């Protein structure tokens, strides 16, 4: 399962699973690319905050985050925002906010 990570969490060797584009729609990094140091620099230069990578360790996170905690985090987040994400960037923002709340709950 793919997961969304911030640029600060990226490490060399991770695999991008969704193409990364700048705010003008130009391709920055194609999907299925292994992250290299040059990619990290380009992402920071363009102000990209998060990307989708192969979720090799996502199963570990899912085991630690039980359904009850996730539901509680979603309840808290829904109190703060009164909408559900529809577009890809909205889903990314929602997931990042959800993970932040989960971290606080743990």
C-alpha atoms as a PDB file:
ATOM      1  CA  UNK A   1       0.000   0.000   0.000  1.00  0.00           C
ATOM      2  CA  UNK A   2       1.331   3.403  -0.966  1.00  0.00           C
ATOM      3  CA  UNK A   3       1.733   6.098   1.619  1.00  0.00           C
ATOM      4  CA  UNK A   4       2.181   9.831   1.635  1.00  0.00           C
ATOM      5  CA  UNK A   5       5.302  11.199   3.296  1.00  0.00           C
ATOM      6  CA  UNK A   6       6.703  14.674   3.713  1.00  0.00           C
ATOM      7  CA  UNK A   7       9.853  15.634   1.850  1.00  0.00           C
ATOM      8  CA  UNK A   8      11.692  15.716   5.184  1.00  0.00           C
ATOM      9  CA  UNK A   9      10.853  12.029   5.712  1.00  0.00           C
ATOM     10  CA  UNK A  10      12.152  10.969   2.284  1.00  0.00           C
ATOM     11  CA  UNK A  11      15.325   8.942   2.112  1.00  0.00           C
ATOM     12  CA  UNK A  12      17.459   7.908  -0.809  1.00  0.00           C
ATOM     13  CA  UNK A  13      16.298   4.618  -2.306  1.00  0.00           C
ATOM     14  CA  UNK A  14      12.572   5.099  -1.600  1.00  0.00           C
ATOM     15  CA  UNK A  15      10.376   4.663  -4.686  1.00  0.00           C
ATOM     16  CA  UNK A  16       7.970   7.365  -5.877  1.00  0.00           C
ATOM     17  CA  UNK A  17       4.643   5.813  -6.942  1.00  0.00           C
ATOM     18  CA  UNK A  18       2.790   8.920  -8.149  1.00  0.00           C
ATOM     19  CA  UNK A  19       4.265  11.473 -10.552  1.00  0.00           C
ATOM     20  CA  UNK A  20       5.362  14.670  -8.819  1.00  0.00           C
ATOM     21  CA  UNK A  21       4.414  17.878 -10.622  1.00  0.00           C
ATOM     22  CA  UNK A  22       5.086  21.516  -9.873  1.00  0.00           C
ATOM     23  CA  UNK A  23       2.330  24.081  -9.474  1.00  0.00           C
ATOM     24  CA  UNK A  24       2.360  24.635 -13.250  1.00  0.00           C
ATOM     25  CA  UNK A  25       1.659  20.951 -13.937  1.00  0.00           C
ATOM     26  CA  UNK A  26       5.171  20.218 -15.190  1.00  0.00           C
ATOM     27  CA  UNK A  27       6.610  16.827 -14.317  1.00  0.00           C
ATOM     28  CA  UNK A  28       9.321  17.029 -11.643  1.00  0.00           C
ATOM     29  CA  UNK A  29       9.765  13.308 -10.908  1.00  0.00           C
ATOM     30  CA  UNK A  30       8.123  10.454 -12.801  1.00  0.00           C
ATOM     31  CA  UNK A  31       6.480   7.575 -10.988  1.00  0.00           C
ATOM     32  CA  UNK A  32       8.532   4.449 -10.213  1.00  0.00           C
ATOM     33  CA  UNK A  33      11.673   6.542  -9.668  1.00  0.00           C
ATOM     34  CA  UNK A  34      14.071   5.726  -6.847  1.00  0.00           C
ATOM     35  CA  UNK A  35      14.813   8.826  -4.788  1.00  0.00           C
ATOM     36  CA  UNK A  36      18.320  10.191  -5.135  1.00  0.00           C
ATOM     37  CA  UNK A  37      19.956  13.182  -3.454  1.00  0.00           C
ATOM     38  CA  UNK A  38      19.295  15.322  -6.545  1.00  0.00           C
ATOM     39  CA  UNK A  39      15.558  14.575  -6.251  1.00  0.00           C
ATOM     40  CA  UNK A  40      15.497  15.764  -2.638  1.00  0.00           C
ATOM     41  CA  UNK A  41      17.081  19.048  -3.678  1.00  0.00           C
ATOM     42  CA  UNK A  42      14.667  19.551  -6.589  1.00  0.00           C
ATOM     43  CA  UNK A  43      11.644  18.886  -4.374  1.00  0.00           C
ATOM     44  CA  UNK A  44      12.810  21.477  -1.858  1.00  0.00           C
ATOM     45  CA  UNK A  45      13.572  24.039  -4.574  1.00  0.00           C
ATOM     46  CA  UNK A  46      10.056  23.656  -6.024  1.00  0.00           C
ATOM     47  CA  UNK A  47       8.419  23.794  -2.602  1.00  0.00           C
ATOM     48  CA  UNK A  48       6.931  20.302  -2.825  1.00  0.00           C
ATOM     49  CA  UNK A  49       5.873  19.262   0.687  1.00  0.00           C
ATOM     50  CA  UNK A  50       4.788  15.646   0.278  1.00  0.00           C
ATOM     51  CA  UNK A  51       4.978  12.746  -2.181  1.00  0.00           C
ATOM     52  CA  UNK A  52       3.531   9.253  -2.491  1.00  0.00           C
ATOM     53  CA  UNK A  53       5.962   6.386  -2.039  1.00  0.00           C
ATOM     54  CA  UNK A  54       5.825   2.618  -1.877  1.00  0.00           C
ATOM     55  CA  UNK A  55       4.493   1.813   1.562  1.00  0.00           C
ATOM     56  CA  UNK A  56       6.917  -0.882   2.577  1.00  0.00           C
ATOM     57  CA  UNK A  57       6.633   0.067   6.236  1.00  0.00           C
ATOM     58  CA  UNK A  58       3.006   1.172   6.104  1.00  0.00           C
ATOM     59  CA  UNK A  59       1.908  -2.240   7.396  1.00  0.00           C
ATOM     60  CA  UNK A  60       3.939  -1.637  10.543  1.00  0.00           C
ATOM     61  CA  UNK A  61       2.184   1.698  11.038  1.00  0.00           C
ATOM     62  CA  UNK A  62      -1.234   0.142  10.424  1.00  0.00           C
ATOM     63  CA  UNK A  63      -0.579  -2.524  13.033  1.00  0.00           C
ATOM     64  CA  UNK A  64       0.320   0.133  15.591  1.00  0.00           C
ATOM     65  CA  UNK A  65      -2.672   2.304  14.705  1.00  0.00           C
ATOM     66  CA  UNK A  66      -5.762   0.355  15.588  1.00  0.00           C
ATOM     67  CA  UNK A  67      -9.184   1.160  14.210  1.00  0.00           C
ATOM     68  CA  UNK A  68     -10.341   2.812  17.414  1.00  0.00           C
ATOM     69  CA  UNK A  69      -7.480   5.336  17.404  1.00  0.00           C
ATOM     70  CA  UNK A  70      -7.960   6.087  13.702  1.00  0.00           C
ATOM     71  CA  UNK A  71     -11.701   6.627  14.224  1.00  0.00           C
ATOM     72  CA  UNK A  72     -11.008   8.965  17.136  1.00  0.00           C
ATOM     73  CA  UNK A  73      -8.505  10.909  15.021  1.00  0.00           C
ATOM     74  CA  UNK A  74     -11.021  11.193  12.178  1.00  0.00           C
ATOM     75  CA  UNK A  75     -13.679  12.431  14.627  1.00  0.00           C
ATOM     76  CA  UNK A  76     -11.275  15.112  15.913  1.00  0.00           C
ATOM     77  CA  UNK A  77     -10.300  16.133  12.384  1.00  0.00           C
ATOM     78  CA  UNK A  78     -13.932  16.372  11.257  1.00  0.00           C
ATOM     79  CA  UNK A  79     -14.603  18.773  14.142  1.00  0.00           C
ATOM     80  CA  UNK A  80     -11.793  20.988  12.848  1.00  0.00           C
ATOM     81  CA  UNK A  81     -12.675  20.853   9.171  1.00  0.00           C
ATOM     82  CA  UNK A  82     -16.178  20.562   7.836  1.00  0.00           C
ATOM     83  CA  UNK A  83     -15.530  18.881   4.482  1.00  0.00           C
ATOM     84  CA  UNK A  84     -14.271  15.634   3.021  1.00  0.00           C
ATOM     85  CA  UNK A  85     -11.389  15.617   0.555  1.00  0.00           C
ATOM     86  CA  UNK A  86     -12.195  15.082  -3.106  1.00  0.00           C
ATOM     87  CA  UNK A  87      -9.076  16.033  -5.066  1.00  0.00           C
ATOM     88  CA  UNK A  88      -5.692  14.335  -4.728  1.00  0.00           C
ATOM     89  CA  UNK A  89      -4.019  17.244  -2.936  1.00  0.00           C
ATOM     90  CA  UNK A  90      -6.965  17.496  -0.544  1.00  0.00           C
ATOM     91  CA  UNK A  91      -6.658  13.778   0.234  1.00  0.00           C
ATOM     92  CA  UNK A  92      -2.937  14.219   0.871  1.00  0.00           C
ATOM     93  CA  UNK A  93      -3.570  17.134   3.221  1.00  0.00           C
ATOM     94  CA  UNK A  94      -6.328  15.224   5.000  1.00  0.00           C
ATOM     95  CA  UNK A  95      -4.097  12.169   5.472  1.00  0.00           C
ATOM     96  CA  UNK A  96      -1.205  14.284   6.760  1.00  0.00           C
ATOM     97  CA  UNK A  97      -3.498  16.043   9.230  1.00  0.00           C
ATOM     98  CA  UNK A  98      -4.938  12.697  10.302  1.00  0.00           C
ATOM     99  CA  UNK A  99      -1.466  11.242  10.890  1.00  0.00           C
ATOM    100  CA  UNK A 100      -0.510  14.298  12.962  1.00  0.00           C
ATOM    101  CA  UNK A 101      -3.548  13.803  15.189  1.00  0.00           C
ATOM    102  CA  UNK A 102      -2.822  10.074  15.490  1.00  0.00           C
ATOM    103  CA  UNK A 103       0.744  10.864  16.592  1.00  0.00           C
ATOM    104  CA  UNK A 104      -0.627  13.136  19.312  1.00  0.00           C
ATOM    105  CA  UNK A 105      -3.083  10.445  20.442  1.00  0.00           C
ATOM    106  CA  UNK A 106      -0.325   7.857  20.705  1.00  0.00           C
END
